[in-house]
Amino acid sequence: MGLSVPMLQSCFTHMERAGRVLAKLKLAAHGVTDEQLACAAWAPAVGKIVANHTWAVALVRDRLVIEVEDAVWRSQLWMMRNQILARIEKVLGRKLATEIEFRIAVPRRQPGRADTIDASELPLTPSTRTKKATA
């Protein structure tokens, strides 16, 4: 069962209203910084698919720093940067960033089973050489 276009538009409208209300509150007094707001606005502004391949990491002055998986994502998002900035402003209800910097992220290790190491592939150390020689 999929979402219809009117339902999606309604969700975005409610999300944008909530973003405007949050932006109007004095959140800095409650420990929420502009950087946290800008980073939190990234996923709603770009959508789930893009958010799964990118990470908002910092707001430096007026530049939002985004890590991306690879150069392809970086170049595609760079071409859309003005549209993305407008979406972030629309979600928050005010302008926090005037620029976006896309950086290629250091590859993250996927959670899962630990790799096993075959001891025979390890280089011999002086202590293992003497043990093998005496055995």
N, C-alpha and C. Protein backbone atom coordinates (compact mmCIF):
# COMPACT_ATOMS: atom_id res chain seq x y z
N MET A 1 0.84 -1.17 0.00
CA MET A 1 0.00 0.00 0.00
C MET A 1 0.89 1.23 0.00
N GLY A 2 0.86 2.00 -1.06
CA GLY A 2 1.71 3.18 -1.19
C GLY A 2 1.00 4.45 -0.76
N LEU A 3 1.78 5.48 -0.62
CA LEU A 3 1.22 6.79 -0.27
C LEU A 3 0.82 7.53 -1.53
N SER A 4 -0.32 8.20 -1.48
CA SER A 4 -0.75 8.98 -2.64
C SER A 4 -0.04 10.33 -2.62
N VAL A 5 -0.07 11.02 -3.73
CA VAL A 5 0.56 12.33 -3.84
C VAL A 5 -0.04 13.32 -2.84
N PRO A 6 -1.37 13.41 -2.70
CA PRO A 6 -1.92 14.33 -1.71
C PRO A 6 -1.46 14.02 -0.28
N MET A 7 -1.34 12.72 0.05
CA MET A 7 -0.88 12.34 1.38
C MET A 7 0.56 12.80 1.60
N LEU A 8 1.41 12.61 0.58
CA LEU A 8 2.80 13.04 0.69
C LEU A 8 2.89 14.55 0.84
N GLN A 9 2.11 15.28 0.06
CA GLN A 9 2.12 16.74 0.17
C GLN A 9 1.68 17.18 1.55
N SER A 10 0.70 16.49 2.11
CA SER A 10 0.22 16.81 3.45
C SER A 10 1.31 16.58 4.48
N CYS A 11 2.05 15.47 4.34
CA CYS A 11 3.14 15.17 5.26
C CYS A 11 4.20 16.27 5.20
N PHE A 12 4.58 16.68 4.00
CA PHE A 12 5.59 17.73 3.86
C PHE A 12 5.09 19.05 4.42
N THR A 13 3.81 19.35 4.24
CA THR A 13 3.25 20.59 4.77
C THR A 13 3.32 20.59 6.29
N HIS A 14 2.94 19.49 6.91
CA HIS A 14 3.01 19.40 8.37
C HIS A 14 4.45 19.47 8.85
N MET A 15 5.35 18.80 8.14
CA MET A 15 6.76 18.82 8.51
C MET A 15 7.30 20.24 8.42
N GLU A 16 6.95 20.96 7.38
CA GLU A 16 7.43 22.33 7.22
C GLU A 16 6.86 23.23 8.30
N ARG A 17 5.61 23.05 8.65
CA ARG A 17 5.03 23.85 9.73
C ARG A 17 5.75 23.58 11.04
N ALA A 18 5.98 22.32 11.33
CA ALA A 18 6.68 21.97 12.57
C ALA A 18 8.08 22.57 12.57
N GLY A 19 8.77 22.54 11.43
CA GLY A 19 10.10 23.13 11.34
C GLY A 19 10.07 24.63 11.61
N ARG A 20 9.09 25.30 11.10
CA ARG A 20 8.97 26.75 11.32
C ARG A 20 8.72 27.05 12.80
N VAL A 21 7.86 26.26 13.41
CA VAL A 21 7.57 26.48 14.83
C VAL A 21 8.81 26.25 15.66
N LEU A 22 9.53 25.17 15.38
CA LEU A 22 10.76 24.88 16.13
C LEU A 22 11.79 25.97 15.93
N ALA A 23 11.90 26.48 14.72
CA ALA A 23 12.89 27.52 14.45
C ALA A 23 12.56 28.81 15.19
N LYS A 24 11.28 29.08 15.39
CA LYS A 24 10.89 30.31 16.07
C LYS A 24 11.12 30.25 17.58
N LEU A 25 11.17 29.04 18.12
CA LEU A 25 11.41 28.90 19.56
C LEU A 25 12.84 29.31 19.88
N LYS A 26 13.07 29.69 21.09
CA LYS A 26 14.41 30.04 21.54
C LYS A 26 15.13 28.76 21.95
N LEU A 27 15.49 27.94 20.95
CA LEU A 27 16.07 26.64 21.24
C LEU A 27 17.48 26.73 21.78
N ALA A 28 18.22 27.80 21.47
CA ALA A 28 19.57 27.94 21.97
C ALA A 28 19.57 27.99 23.50
N ALA A 29 18.51 28.56 24.08
CA ALA A 29 18.41 28.62 25.54
C ALA A 29 18.21 27.24 26.13
N HIS A 30 17.74 26.30 25.34
CA HIS A 30 17.50 24.93 25.80
C HIS A 30 18.62 23.99 25.36
N GLY A 31 19.72 24.52 24.89
CA GLY A 31 20.86 23.69 24.52
C GLY A 31 20.88 23.21 23.08
N VAL A 32 19.99 23.67 22.23
CA VAL A 32 19.97 23.27 20.83
C VAL A 32 20.66 24.37 20.02
N THR A 33 21.74 24.00 19.35
CA THR A 33 22.51 24.98 18.60
C THR A 33 22.04 25.08 17.16
N ASP A 34 22.48 26.12 16.47
CA ASP A 34 22.17 26.25 15.04
C ASP A 34 22.75 25.07 14.27
N GLU A 35 23.91 24.60 14.68
CA GLU A 35 24.53 23.46 14.01
C GLU A 35 23.65 22.22 14.14
N GLN A 36 23.12 21.96 15.32
CA GLN A 36 22.25 20.81 15.52
C GLN A 36 20.97 20.94 14.69
N LEU A 37 20.42 22.15 14.64
CA LEU A 37 19.22 22.38 13.81
C LEU A 37 19.51 22.13 12.34
N ALA A 38 20.62 22.68 11.85
CA ALA A 38 20.95 22.52 10.43
C ALA A 38 21.20 21.06 10.09
N CYS A 39 21.90 20.36 10.95
CA CYS A 39 22.17 18.94 10.69
C CYS A 39 20.89 18.11 10.77
N ALA A 40 20.01 18.45 11.70
CA ALA A 40 18.74 17.73 11.81
C ALA A 40 17.82 18.00 10.63
N ALA A 41 17.94 19.18 10.03
CA ALA A 41 17.09 19.53 8.88
C ALA A 41 17.55 18.86 7.60
N TRP A 42 18.76 18.32 7.58
CA TRP A 42 19.31 17.74 6.35
C TRP A 42 18.42 16.62 5.81
N ALA A 43 18.12 15.62 6.62
CA ALA A 43 17.35 14.47 6.13
C ALA A 43 15.96 14.85 5.64
N PRO A 44 15.19 15.64 6.38
CA PRO A 44 13.87 16.02 5.85
C PRO A 44 13.97 16.86 4.57
N ALA A 45 15.03 17.63 4.44
CA ALA A 45 15.16 18.50 3.27
C ALA A 45 15.52 17.73 2.01
N VAL A 46 16.33 16.67 2.15
CA VAL A 46 16.80 15.96 0.95
C VAL A 46 16.07 14.65 0.70
N GLY A 47 15.38 14.14 1.69
CA GLY A 47 14.64 12.90 1.51
C GLY A 47 15.44 11.69 1.95
N LYS A 48 14.73 10.58 2.09
CA LYS A 48 15.30 9.36 2.66
C LYS A 48 16.42 8.76 1.81
N ILE A 49 16.24 8.74 0.51
CA ILE A 49 17.24 8.10 -0.35
C ILE A 49 18.58 8.83 -0.28
N VAL A 50 18.55 10.14 -0.43
CA VAL A 50 19.80 10.92 -0.35
C VAL A 50 20.37 10.86 1.06
N ALA A 51 19.51 10.94 2.06
CA ALA A 51 19.97 10.91 3.45
C ALA A 51 20.67 9.60 3.80
N ASN A 52 20.29 8.51 3.15
CA ASN A 52 20.94 7.23 3.40
C ASN A 52 22.36 7.17 2.85
N HIS A 53 22.72 8.09 1.96
CA HIS A 53 24.05 8.09 1.35
C HIS A 53 24.88 9.30 1.77
N THR A 54 24.34 10.12 2.67
CA THR A 54 25.02 11.35 3.09
C THR A 54 24.86 11.55 4.58
N TRP A 55 25.75 12.40 5.15
CA TRP A 55 25.71 12.69 6.58
C TRP A 55 26.03 14.15 6.79
N ALA A 56 25.14 14.87 7.46
CA ALA A 56 25.41 16.26 7.83
C ALA A 56 26.33 16.20 9.05
N VAL A 57 27.51 16.82 8.95
CA VAL A 57 28.48 16.69 10.04
C VAL A 57 28.74 17.98 10.80
N ALA A 58 28.57 19.14 10.17
CA ALA A 58 28.89 20.38 10.88
C ALA A 58 28.29 21.58 10.16
N LEU A 59 28.16 22.65 10.92
CA LEU A 59 27.82 23.96 10.37
C LEU A 59 28.97 24.88 10.77
N VAL A 60 29.77 25.27 9.80
CA VAL A 60 30.92 26.14 10.06
C VAL A 60 30.58 27.51 9.50
N ARG A 61 30.40 28.46 10.42
CA ARG A 61 29.89 29.80 10.09
C ARG A 61 28.57 29.66 9.36
N ASP A 62 28.54 29.88 8.06
CA ASP A 62 27.29 29.74 7.31
C ASP A 62 27.39 28.63 6.27
N ARG A 63 28.33 27.72 6.45
CA ARG A 63 28.55 26.62 5.50
C ARG A 63 28.19 25.29 6.16
N LEU A 64 27.25 24.57 5.57
CA LEU A 64 26.86 23.26 6.05
C LEU A 64 27.78 22.22 5.41
N VAL A 65 28.44 21.44 6.23
CA VAL A 65 29.39 20.42 5.74
C VAL A 65 28.67 19.08 5.72
N ILE A 66 28.69 18.46 4.53
CA ILE A 66 28.01 17.19 4.30
C ILE A 66 29.02 16.17 3.81
N GLU A 67 29.04 14.99 4.43
CA GLU A 67 29.87 13.89 3.93
C GLU A 67 29.01 13.03 3.01
N VAL A 68 29.62 12.62 1.90
CA VAL A 68 28.92 11.80 0.91
C VAL A 68 29.71 10.52 0.68
N GLU A 69 29.04 9.51 0.13
CA GLU A 69 29.68 8.22 -0.07
C GLU A 69 30.81 8.25 -1.08
N ASP A 70 30.61 8.96 -2.19
CA ASP A 70 31.64 8.93 -3.23
C ASP A 70 31.53 10.18 -4.11
N ALA A 71 32.40 10.23 -5.10
CA ALA A 71 32.47 11.41 -5.98
C ALA A 71 31.21 11.58 -6.82
N VAL A 72 30.54 10.51 -7.14
CA VAL A 72 29.31 10.60 -7.93
C VAL A 72 28.23 11.34 -7.12
N TRP A 73 28.05 10.94 -5.87
CA TRP A 73 27.09 11.64 -5.01
C TRP A 73 27.49 13.10 -4.85
N ARG A 74 28.78 13.35 -4.67
CA ARG A 74 29.25 14.72 -4.47
C ARG A 74 28.92 15.59 -5.68
N SER A 75 29.20 15.09 -6.88
CA SER A 75 28.95 15.92 -8.07
C SER A 75 27.46 16.12 -8.33
N GLN A 76 26.65 15.09 -8.09
CA GLN A 76 25.21 15.23 -8.30
C GLN A 76 24.60 16.22 -7.30
N LEU A 77 25.01 16.12 -6.05
CA LEU A 77 24.46 17.02 -5.04
C LEU A 77 24.99 18.43 -5.20
N TRP A 78 26.21 18.57 -5.69
CA TRP A 78 26.77 19.90 -5.93
C TRP A 78 25.91 20.66 -6.94
N MET A 79 25.44 19.96 -7.97
CA MET A 79 24.60 20.61 -8.97
C MET A 79 23.24 21.00 -8.41
N MET A 80 22.83 20.36 -7.32
CA MET A 80 21.53 20.64 -6.72
C MET A 80 21.63 21.50 -5.46
N ARG A 81 22.80 22.02 -5.15
CA ARG A 81 23.04 22.69 -3.87
C ARG A 81 22.10 23.86 -3.59
N ASN A 82 21.78 24.65 -4.60
CA ASN A 82 20.89 25.79 -4.38
C ASN A 82 19.47 25.34 -4.03
N GLN A 83 19.02 24.29 -4.70
CA GLN A 83 17.70 23.74 -4.38
C GLN A 83 17.68 23.15 -2.98
N ILE A 84 18.77 22.49 -2.60
CA ILE A 84 18.85 21.89 -1.26
C ILE A 84 18.86 22.97 -0.19
N LEU A 85 19.62 24.04 -0.41
CA LEU A 85 19.65 25.14 0.55
C LEU A 85 18.26 25.76 0.73
N ALA A 86 17.54 25.89 -0.37
CA ALA A 86 16.17 26.43 -0.29
C ALA A 86 15.26 25.49 0.50
N ARG A 87 15.43 24.18 0.32
CA ARG A 87 14.62 23.20 1.06
C ARG A 87 14.95 23.24 2.55
N ILE A 88 16.23 23.39 2.89
CA ILE A 88 16.63 23.47 4.30
C ILE A 88 16.00 24.71 4.94
N GLU A 89 16.06 25.82 4.21
CA GLU A 89 15.46 27.06 4.72
C GLU A 89 13.95 26.89 4.89
N LYS A 90 13.32 26.19 3.97
CA LYS A 90 11.88 25.98 4.06
C LYS A 90 11.52 25.09 5.24
N VAL A 91 12.33 24.07 5.50
CA VAL A 91 12.08 23.17 6.63
C VAL A 91 12.26 23.91 7.95
N LEU A 92 13.32 24.72 8.06
CA LEU A 92 13.60 25.41 9.31
C LEU A 92 12.82 26.71 9.49
N GLY A 93 12.40 27.31 8.40
CA GLY A 93 11.70 28.57 8.49
C GLY A 93 12.63 29.77 8.57
N ARG A 94 13.92 29.54 8.48
CA ARG A 94 14.91 30.62 8.45
C ARG A 94 16.19 30.10 7.81
N LYS A 95 17.03 31.02 7.40
CA LYS A 95 18.26 30.65 6.70
C LYS A 95 19.40 30.50 7.71
N LEU A 96 19.93 29.28 7.82
CA LEU A 96 21.08 29.04 8.68
C LEU A 96 22.36 28.87 7.87
N ALA A 97 22.23 28.34 6.67
CA ALA A 97 23.39 28.09 5.82
C ALA A 97 23.21 28.78 4.48
N THR A 98 24.30 29.37 3.99
CA THR A 98 24.26 29.98 2.66
C THR A 98 25.10 29.19 1.67
N GLU A 99 25.87 28.22 2.17
CA GLU A 99 26.70 27.38 1.31
C GLU A 99 26.65 25.94 1.82
N ILE A 100 26.93 25.01 0.93
CA ILE A 100 27.07 23.60 1.31
C ILE A 100 28.42 23.12 0.79
N GLU A 101 29.14 22.42 1.63
CA GLU A 101 30.41 21.80 1.23
C GLU A 101 30.21 20.29 1.28
N PHE A 102 30.46 19.64 0.15
CA PHE A 102 30.33 18.18 0.09
C PHE A 102 31.71 17.57 0.14
N ARG A 103 31.91 16.68 1.08
CA ARG A 103 33.19 15.97 1.25
C ARG A 103 32.95 14.49 1.09
N ILE A 104 33.92 13.82 0.49
CA ILE A 104 33.82 12.37 0.39
C ILE A 104 34.20 11.79 1.75
N ALA A 105 33.32 10.98 2.30
CA ALA A 105 33.52 10.42 3.64
C ALA A 105 34.54 9.31 3.63
N VAL A 106 35.18 9.15 4.75
CA VAL A 106 36.05 7.99 4.95
C VAL A 106 35.13 6.78 4.99
N PRO A 107 35.47 5.72 4.27
CA PRO A 107 34.58 4.56 4.24
C PRO A 107 34.29 4.04 5.65
N ARG A 108 33.03 3.82 5.91
CA ARG A 108 32.60 3.31 7.21
C ARG A 108 32.48 1.79 7.14
N ARG A 109 32.94 1.16 8.17
CA ARG A 109 32.86 -0.31 8.22
C ARG A 109 31.42 -0.70 8.56
N GLN A 110 30.86 -1.59 7.77
CA GLN A 110 29.50 -2.05 8.00
C GLN A 110 29.47 -2.99 9.21
N PRO A 111 28.44 -2.88 10.03
CA PRO A 111 28.35 -3.78 11.18
C PRO A 111 28.14 -5.21 10.69
N GLY A 112 28.67 -6.12 11.41
CA GLY A 112 28.52 -7.51 11.02
C GLY A 112 29.56 -8.37 11.69
N ARG A 113 29.77 -9.52 11.15
CA ARG A 113 30.71 -10.46 11.70
C ARG A 113 32.13 -9.97 11.53
N ALA A 114 32.95 -10.20 12.52
CA ALA A 114 34.36 -9.81 12.43
C ALA A 114 35.06 -10.68 11.41
N ASP A 115 36.01 -10.09 10.71
CA ASP A 115 36.81 -10.86 9.76
C ASP A 115 37.70 -11.81 10.52
N THR A 116 37.89 -12.97 9.96
CA THR A 116 38.79 -13.93 10.60
C THR A 116 40.13 -13.87 9.90
N ILE A 117 41.17 -14.07 10.67
CA ILE A 117 42.52 -14.02 10.13
C ILE A 117 43.12 -15.41 10.27
N ASP A 118 43.65 -15.90 9.18
CA ASP A 118 44.33 -17.19 9.20
C ASP A 118 45.74 -16.95 9.73
N ALA A 119 46.08 -17.61 10.82
CA ALA A 119 47.38 -17.40 11.46
C ALA A 119 48.54 -17.73 10.53
N SER A 120 48.32 -18.60 9.57
CA SER A 120 49.42 -18.97 8.67
C SER A 120 49.77 -17.82 7.72
N GLU A 121 48.85 -16.84 7.57
CA GLU A 121 49.10 -15.71 6.69
C GLU A 121 49.85 -14.58 7.38
N LEU A 122 49.97 -14.65 8.71
CA LEU A 122 50.66 -13.61 9.45
C LEU A 122 52.16 -13.74 9.28
N PRO A 123 52.88 -12.61 9.25
CA PRO A 123 54.33 -12.69 9.14
C PRO A 123 54.93 -13.28 10.41
N LEU A 124 56.05 -13.93 10.25
CA LEU A 124 56.72 -14.52 11.40
C LEU A 124 57.41 -13.44 12.22
N THR A 125 57.21 -13.49 13.52
CA THR A 125 57.92 -12.59 14.43
C THR A 125 59.08 -13.37 15.03
N PRO A 126 60.04 -12.71 15.62
CA PRO A 126 61.17 -13.45 16.20
C PRO A 126 60.73 -14.53 17.19
N SER A 127 59.70 -14.27 17.99
CA SER A 127 59.26 -15.28 18.97
C SER A 127 58.62 -16.48 18.28
N THR A 128 57.89 -16.27 17.18
CA THR A 128 57.27 -17.41 16.49
C THR A 128 58.31 -18.17 15.69
N ARG A 129 59.36 -17.51 15.23
CA ARG A 129 60.41 -18.22 14.50
C ARG A 129 61.11 -19.22 15.43
N THR A 130 61.42 -18.81 16.64
CA THR A 130 62.13 -19.70 17.56
C THR A 130 61.23 -20.83 17.99
N LYS A 131 59.92 -20.57 18.16
CA LYS A 131 59.00 -21.63 18.54
C LYS A 131 58.89 -22.67 17.43
N LYS A 132 58.85 -22.22 16.16
CA LYS A 132 58.74 -23.14 15.04
C LYS A 132 60.05 -23.92 14.87
N ALA A 133 61.15 -23.26 15.12
CA ALA A 133 62.46 -23.92 14.96
C ALA A 133 62.66 -25.00 16.02
N THR A 134 62.19 -24.79 17.24
CA THR A 134 62.37 -25.76 18.30
C THR A 134 61.30 -26.84 18.28
N ALA A 135 60.23 -26.63 17.58
CA ALA A 135 59.13 -27.61 17.58
C ALA A 135 59.40 -28.78 16.69
